Structures are given as structure tokens and as C-alpha cells.
Amino acid sequence: MTVQRHRGLTEQAADAAIDTACRMLRLPTIRAQFPDLATTPAREQMTYRGFLAELLMAECDDRARRRSERRIKAAGFPRQKALRDFDFDANSSIDPATIHTLASCEWIKKGEPLCLIGDSGTGKSHLLIALGTEAAMAGFRVKYVLATKLVNELVEAADDKQLTKTIARYGRVDLLAIDELGYMELDRRGAELLFQVLTEREEKASVAIASNESFGGWTKTFTDPRLCAAIVDRLTFGGNIIETGTDSYRLAHTKNQQGSG
């Protein structure tokens, strides 16, 4: 097939043709940026290849940004939290180097678990969301969920005979981030259903949890000792354990603000 070339187009006609072609080829960034790039003084210093490369790289960068935004939205984080906003100076229990190593997402590639253990206000949820966001930006599929919400969803799915489908859906994401594990006691059925999700992901895909209870206190959440031991094993074997401590830096921050007011 021979493509007919349009020679001698006016500037206006050329702009219209570019606009139409970008719409047909679904190149919104090139369509939006072409007029500015085509008239910028820097254009005079570019070769045709350089100009084309500039346009294509802009399109690729923008597509990568939009994909990251979609993955972050799909993760279902309740609020935005970034590692750059975490105050490591306020919590000496947390090693910045360890957290930044986790931000590289190698542990997710290996399917390793992550446990963030500490009292309320020590930064567990912040780190859980921030590391989940880093994973989404790196191209991983992430899902954030509260432990009680996940268990309730599994119980409802079991009642509706949709359990296999629901477990499979949670099994497809690269990182399952479970927050507030240990805040409420789970009955045996709920604990067993959660165990099924963890078993589905074991050594294949990562689970990250945040809990205000040390592992020794998990028998208050999982009242069956053997099931509790099995769940702890699933969440710690070959994984990363970060202890965020007992001193609430959030409370200290509030007191400091009140004291300086």
C-alpha cells in the first residue's frame, strides 16, 4: 500500500493534519505539545530526528505517568502518603536505609512478605501506603485493604458462593497491603478465610501488613493458636519485619505544635 504524501501544505493545513493524525493514532501528548515544540527557539537547533525523538519521548513519559496514576487509583489507598514526607528524625526506631531499600521493590519481585509492627502513631500506615505507592509507580499491581474489610468481604463471598472468584482476584495483584491487622478479634471462620488468601499468595506474590500488635499478641486476633501460628508463618517466612516502636511521633508532633502555639 502506497501512502500519498501531501507536499506543499500550508502551516494551517499541516497543523490540522497533525491534529487529525494524533487523534487517529491516540497520541494526545504529541497533539498537545506539538504546537509549542514546533515553534520553540530550541527547534531551530534540532535535527528532524531530534525533533521526532523529543515528541515521542514526551508521549512515552506521559503515558507512563498516566499508567502510574491509574495503578495508584486502582490500589484504593485511603489517602496520599509519600516516603519523602515521612519524618525519620521523629522515629529513631525506623532505619531510613532499610525503607529506601524496600522502595526499590525487589522484595515484591521475589514475592516476599513485609510486616510493619508498632503502636498507633508510629508511622505504620504511612509507610504501608507510601511503599505501596512506590510499587504502583514501578509498574506493580497493588491493592490496599483494611483487615476487617477484607475478612467481611471474604465472608460475604463465601455466603454467596463467590469465594474462589474473590480469592483469585486478590491473588492476581502483585502486592496486597493489609492495614490495621490486629485491631479487632476475628472469629475462626474469618481467620480461616484470611488464611486462604495468604496461602494463595505464599511465595508467589507479596503481602504487606501493618499491625499494632506484636506477633505474640496475635492470639487476641486469631483465637485459634494453631491457625495463628500458621498465619504468622505465612507473613514472616523469608520476609521483612520492620518494628516502628511504641512512641507515637504523631502525638509528639501534636504536643509540640500546641506548645509552640
Protein backbone atom coordinates (compact mmCIF):
# COMPACT_ATOMS: atom_id res chain seq x y z
CA MET A 1 0.00 0.00 0.00
CA THR A 2 1.38 3.38 -1.02
CA VAL A 3 0.82 6.29 1.31
CA GLN A 4 0.10 9.52 -0.52
CA ARG A 5 2.34 12.31 0.72
CA HIS A 6 0.96 15.81 0.93
CA ARG A 7 3.56 18.28 -0.27
CA GLY A 8 3.32 22.00 -0.09
CA LEU A 9 0.80 22.08 2.73
CA THR A 10 0.21 25.42 4.34
CA GLU A 11 1.13 25.72 8.02
CA GLN A 12 -2.55 25.74 8.92
CA ALA A 13 -3.27 22.65 6.85
CA ALA A 14 -0.23 20.88 8.29
CA ASP A 15 -1.35 21.62 11.84
CA ALA A 16 -4.82 20.29 11.03
CA ALA A 17 -3.35 17.12 9.51
CA ILE A 18 -1.13 16.56 12.59
CA ASP A 19 -4.10 17.10 14.89
CA THR A 20 -6.20 14.58 12.95
CA ALA A 21 -3.39 12.02 12.79
CA CYS A 22 -2.72 12.31 16.54
CA ARG A 23 -6.40 11.73 17.26
CA MET A 24 -6.49 8.66 15.00
CA LEU A 25 -3.27 7.25 16.46
CA ARG A 26 -4.24 8.18 20.03
CA LEU A 27 -1.24 10.38 20.70
CA PRO A 28 -2.73 13.05 22.98
CA THR A 29 0.58 14.32 24.35
CA ILE A 30 2.12 14.87 20.91
CA ARG A 31 -1.11 16.55 19.85
CA ALA A 32 -0.98 18.86 22.87
CA GLN A 33 2.74 19.63 22.82
CA PHE A 34 3.48 19.75 19.11
CA PRO A 35 2.50 23.41 18.58
CA ASP A 36 4.84 24.62 21.34
CA LEU A 37 7.71 22.33 20.39
CA ALA A 38 7.38 23.23 16.73
CA THR A 39 7.70 26.95 17.39
CA THR A 40 10.20 26.99 20.25
CA PRO A 41 13.60 28.55 19.53
CA ALA A 42 15.18 25.25 20.50
CA ARG A 43 13.52 23.71 17.44
CA GLU A 44 15.95 25.62 15.27
CA GLN A 45 18.82 23.70 16.87
CA MET A 46 17.19 20.27 16.39
CA THR A 47 17.56 17.84 13.55
CA TYR A 48 14.42 16.20 12.21
CA ARG A 49 15.39 13.06 14.14
CA GLY A 50 15.89 15.06 17.33
CA PHE A 51 12.54 16.76 16.95
CA LEU A 52 10.78 13.43 16.37
CA ALA A 53 12.58 11.89 19.35
CA GLU A 54 11.51 14.82 21.57
CA LEU A 55 7.86 14.32 20.61
CA LEU A 56 7.92 10.54 21.03
CA MET A 57 9.68 10.70 24.42
CA ALA A 58 7.11 13.22 25.64
CA GLU A 59 4.33 10.82 24.62
CA CYS A 60 6.03 7.87 26.32
CA ASP A 61 6.67 9.82 29.53
CA ASP A 62 3.08 11.00 29.69
CA ARG A 63 1.72 7.50 29.08
CA ALA A 64 3.91 6.14 31.88
CA ARG A 65 2.62 8.87 34.19
CA ARG A 66 -1.00 8.10 33.35
CA ARG A 67 -0.45 4.36 33.89
CA SER A 68 1.05 5.09 37.31
CA GLU A 69 -1.92 7.27 38.20
CA ARG A 70 -4.33 4.50 37.17
CA ARG A 71 -2.46 1.89 39.23
CA ILE A 72 -2.39 4.18 42.28
CA LYS A 73 -6.11 4.83 41.92
CA ALA A 74 -6.85 1.12 41.47
CA ALA A 75 -4.91 0.33 44.66
CA GLY A 76 -7.60 2.05 46.71
CA PHE A 77 -5.38 3.95 49.12
CA PRO A 78 -7.50 5.98 51.57
CA ARG A 79 -5.15 8.97 51.35
CA GLN A 80 -1.90 10.05 49.73
CA LYS A 81 1.29 9.24 51.61
CA ALA A 82 4.82 9.57 50.23
CA LEU A 83 8.17 8.42 51.59
CA ARG A 84 9.59 11.93 51.14
CA ASP A 85 7.02 13.15 53.68
CA PHE A 86 7.93 10.61 56.36
CA ASP A 87 9.75 12.13 59.32
CA PHE A 88 12.52 9.64 60.04
CA ASP A 89 14.08 12.01 62.58
CA ALA A 90 10.92 11.78 64.69
CA ASN A 91 11.08 7.98 64.88
CA SER A 92 14.57 6.64 65.53
CA SER A 93 13.23 3.06 65.56
CA ILE A 94 12.96 3.09 61.77
CA ASP A 95 16.09 2.83 59.65
CA PRO A 96 15.77 5.10 56.58
CA ALA A 97 18.20 2.96 54.56
CA THR A 98 16.03 -0.13 55.11
CA ILE A 99 12.88 1.69 54.00
CA HIS A 100 14.55 3.13 50.90
CA THR A 101 15.84 -0.33 50.03
CA LEU A 102 12.26 -1.61 50.27
CA ALA A 103 11.20 1.25 47.97
CA SER A 104 13.26 -0.37 45.20
CA CYS A 105 10.57 -3.12 45.20
CA GLU A 106 13.00 -6.03 44.89
CA TRP A 107 11.09 -7.81 47.67
CA ILE A 108 7.92 -7.60 45.56
CA LYS A 109 9.70 -9.10 42.56
CA LYS A 110 10.68 -12.00 44.81
CA GLY A 111 7.20 -12.36 46.31
CA GLU A 112 8.44 -11.72 49.85
CA PRO A 113 6.18 -10.53 52.70
CA LEU A 114 6.56 -7.35 54.73
CA CYS A 115 5.37 -6.75 58.30
CA LEU A 116 5.18 -3.32 59.89
CA ILE A 117 4.68 -3.77 63.63
CA GLY A 118 4.25 -1.00 66.18
CA ASP A 119 1.93 1.10 68.27
CA SER A 120 -0.55 3.62 66.91
CA GLY A 121 1.00 6.83 65.64
CA THR A 122 4.40 5.32 64.84
CA GLY A 123 4.06 5.54 61.06
CA LYS A 124 2.97 2.03 60.06
CA SER A 125 0.10 3.05 57.79
CA HIS A 126 2.13 5.91 56.31
CA LEU A 127 4.91 3.51 55.34
CA LEU A 128 2.46 0.86 54.12
CA ILE A 129 0.72 3.33 51.80
CA ALA A 130 3.96 5.02 50.73
CA LEU A 131 5.67 1.72 49.85
CA GLY A 132 2.51 0.58 48.08
CA THR A 133 2.53 3.81 46.08
CA GLU A 134 6.18 3.27 45.14
CA ALA A 135 5.24 -0.22 43.94
CA ALA A 136 2.37 1.10 41.83
CA MET A 137 4.65 3.74 40.29
CA ALA A 138 7.16 0.98 39.49
CA GLY A 139 4.54 -0.91 37.50
CA PHE A 140 3.22 -3.40 40.05
CA ARG A 141 -0.48 -4.06 40.62
CA VAL A 142 -1.30 -3.12 44.20
CA LYS A 143 -4.39 -3.46 46.39
CA TYR A 144 -4.80 -1.79 49.77
CA VAL A 145 -7.48 -3.00 52.17
CA LEU A 146 -8.30 -2.86 55.88
CA ALA A 147 -8.07 -6.27 57.52
CA THR A 148 -11.67 -6.20 58.80
CA LYS A 149 -12.97 -5.10 55.39
CA LEU A 150 -11.11 -7.91 53.67
CA VAL A 151 -12.43 -10.53 56.09
CA ASN A 152 -16.00 -9.21 55.79
CA GLU A 153 -15.72 -9.34 52.01
CA LEU A 154 -14.46 -12.92 52.14
CA VAL A 155 -17.29 -13.99 54.46
CA GLU A 156 -19.89 -12.41 52.16
CA ALA A 157 -18.26 -14.03 49.13
CA ALA A 158 -18.36 -17.42 50.84
CA ASP A 159 -22.06 -16.96 51.63
CA ASP A 160 -22.73 -16.00 48.01
CA LYS A 161 -20.62 -18.91 46.70
CA GLN A 162 -18.16 -16.42 45.16
CA LEU A 163 -15.21 -17.22 47.42
CA THR A 164 -12.99 -18.81 44.75
CA LYS A 165 -13.50 -15.83 42.47
CA THR A 166 -12.78 -13.34 45.25
CA ILE A 167 -9.63 -15.12 46.42
CA ALA A 168 -8.43 -15.31 42.81
CA ARG A 169 -8.99 -11.55 42.42
CA TYR A 170 -6.84 -10.83 45.45
CA GLY A 171 -4.34 -13.38 44.19
CA ARG A 172 -3.79 -11.53 40.91
CA VAL A 173 -2.28 -8.37 42.39
CA ASP A 174 1.48 -8.17 42.86
CA LEU A 175 1.21 -6.59 46.30
CA LEU A 176 -1.65 -6.98 48.77
CA ALA A 177 -1.35 -4.34 51.51
CA ILE A 178 -3.44 -5.18 54.59
CA ASP A 179 -3.76 -2.40 57.15
CA GLU A 180 -4.89 -2.48 60.80
CA LEU A 181 -4.41 -6.19 61.29
CA GLY A 182 -4.81 -6.93 64.99
CA TYR A 183 -7.22 -4.14 65.89
CA MET A 184 -10.21 -6.47 66.12
CA GLU A 185 -10.72 -10.09 67.07
CA LEU A 186 -11.59 -12.35 64.16
CA ASP A 187 -13.76 -15.41 64.58
CA ARG A 188 -12.45 -18.75 63.39
CA ARG A 189 -14.27 -18.61 60.08
CA GLY A 190 -12.95 -15.15 59.23
CA ALA A 191 -9.43 -16.13 60.23
CA GLU A 192 -9.59 -19.29 58.10
CA LEU A 193 -10.75 -17.29 55.06
CA LEU A 194 -7.91 -14.80 55.52
CA PHE A 195 -5.52 -17.74 55.80
CA GLN A 196 -6.76 -18.97 52.41
CA VAL A 197 -5.86 -15.64 50.82
CA LEU A 198 -2.40 -15.72 52.37
CA THR A 199 -1.89 -19.32 51.27
CA GLU A 200 -2.92 -18.44 47.71
CA ARG A 201 -0.17 -15.81 47.62
CA GLU A 202 2.55 -17.68 49.55
CA GLU A 203 5.98 -17.44 47.88
CA LYS A 204 4.29 -16.20 44.68
CA ALA A 205 3.15 -12.65 45.40
CA SER A 206 3.87 -10.24 48.22
CA VAL A 207 1.70 -9.38 51.20
CA ALA A 208 2.46 -6.32 53.34
CA ILE A 209 0.69 -5.86 56.66
CA ALA A 210 0.58 -3.16 59.32
CA SER A 211 -0.32 -4.25 62.85
CA ASN A 212 -0.38 -2.59 66.26
CA GLU A 213 0.19 -5.96 67.93
CA SER A 214 3.46 -7.85 68.22
CA PHE A 215 3.29 -11.39 66.90
CA GLY A 216 2.98 -12.69 70.46
CA GLY A 217 -0.25 -10.74 70.84
CA TRP A 218 -1.86 -12.03 67.67
CA THR A 219 -3.69 -14.74 69.61
CA LYS A 220 -6.11 -11.95 70.59
CA THR A 221 -6.95 -11.51 66.90
CA PHE A 222 -6.67 -15.13 65.81
CA THR A 223 -8.05 -17.03 68.77
CA ASP A 224 -7.11 -20.48 67.46
CA PRO A 225 -3.41 -20.93 68.44
CA ARG A 226 -2.54 -23.29 65.59
CA LEU A 227 -4.20 -21.08 62.98
CA CYS A 228 -2.50 -18.05 64.48
CA ALA A 229 0.91 -19.75 64.23
CA ALA A 230 0.22 -20.70 60.61
CA ILE A 231 -0.74 -17.13 59.69
CA VAL A 232 2.35 -15.70 61.40
CA ASP A 233 4.45 -18.22 59.47
CA ARG A 234 2.87 -17.17 56.15
CA LEU A 235 3.56 -13.50 56.87
CA THR A 236 7.13 -13.81 58.15
CA PHE A 237 8.82 -16.65 56.27
CA GLY A 238 11.62 -15.16 54.18
CA GLY A 239 10.18 -11.70 54.71
CA ASN A 240 10.97 -8.28 56.09
CA ILE A 241 9.92 -7.22 59.59
CA ILE A 242 10.02 -3.53 60.48
CA GLU A 243 9.33 -2.59 64.10
CA THR A 244 8.12 1.01 64.25
CA GLY A 245 8.32 1.21 68.05
CA THR A 246 5.98 2.33 70.81
CA ASP A 247 6.36 6.12 70.91
CA SER A 248 3.74 7.95 68.90
CA TYR A 249 5.53 10.64 66.89
CA ARG A 250 2.13 11.81 65.71
CA LEU A 251 1.16 12.56 69.33
CA ALA A 252 4.53 14.18 69.99
CA HIS A 253 4.12 16.34 66.89
CA THR A 254 0.69 17.49 68.08
CA LYS A 255 2.06 18.37 71.54
CA ASN A 256 4.95 20.30 70.01
CA GLN A 257 2.56 22.30 67.86
CA GLN A 258 0.39 23.09 70.87
CA GLY A 259 3.44 24.04 72.92
CA SER A 260 4.72 26.43 70.25
CA GLY A 261 1.28 27.98 69.64
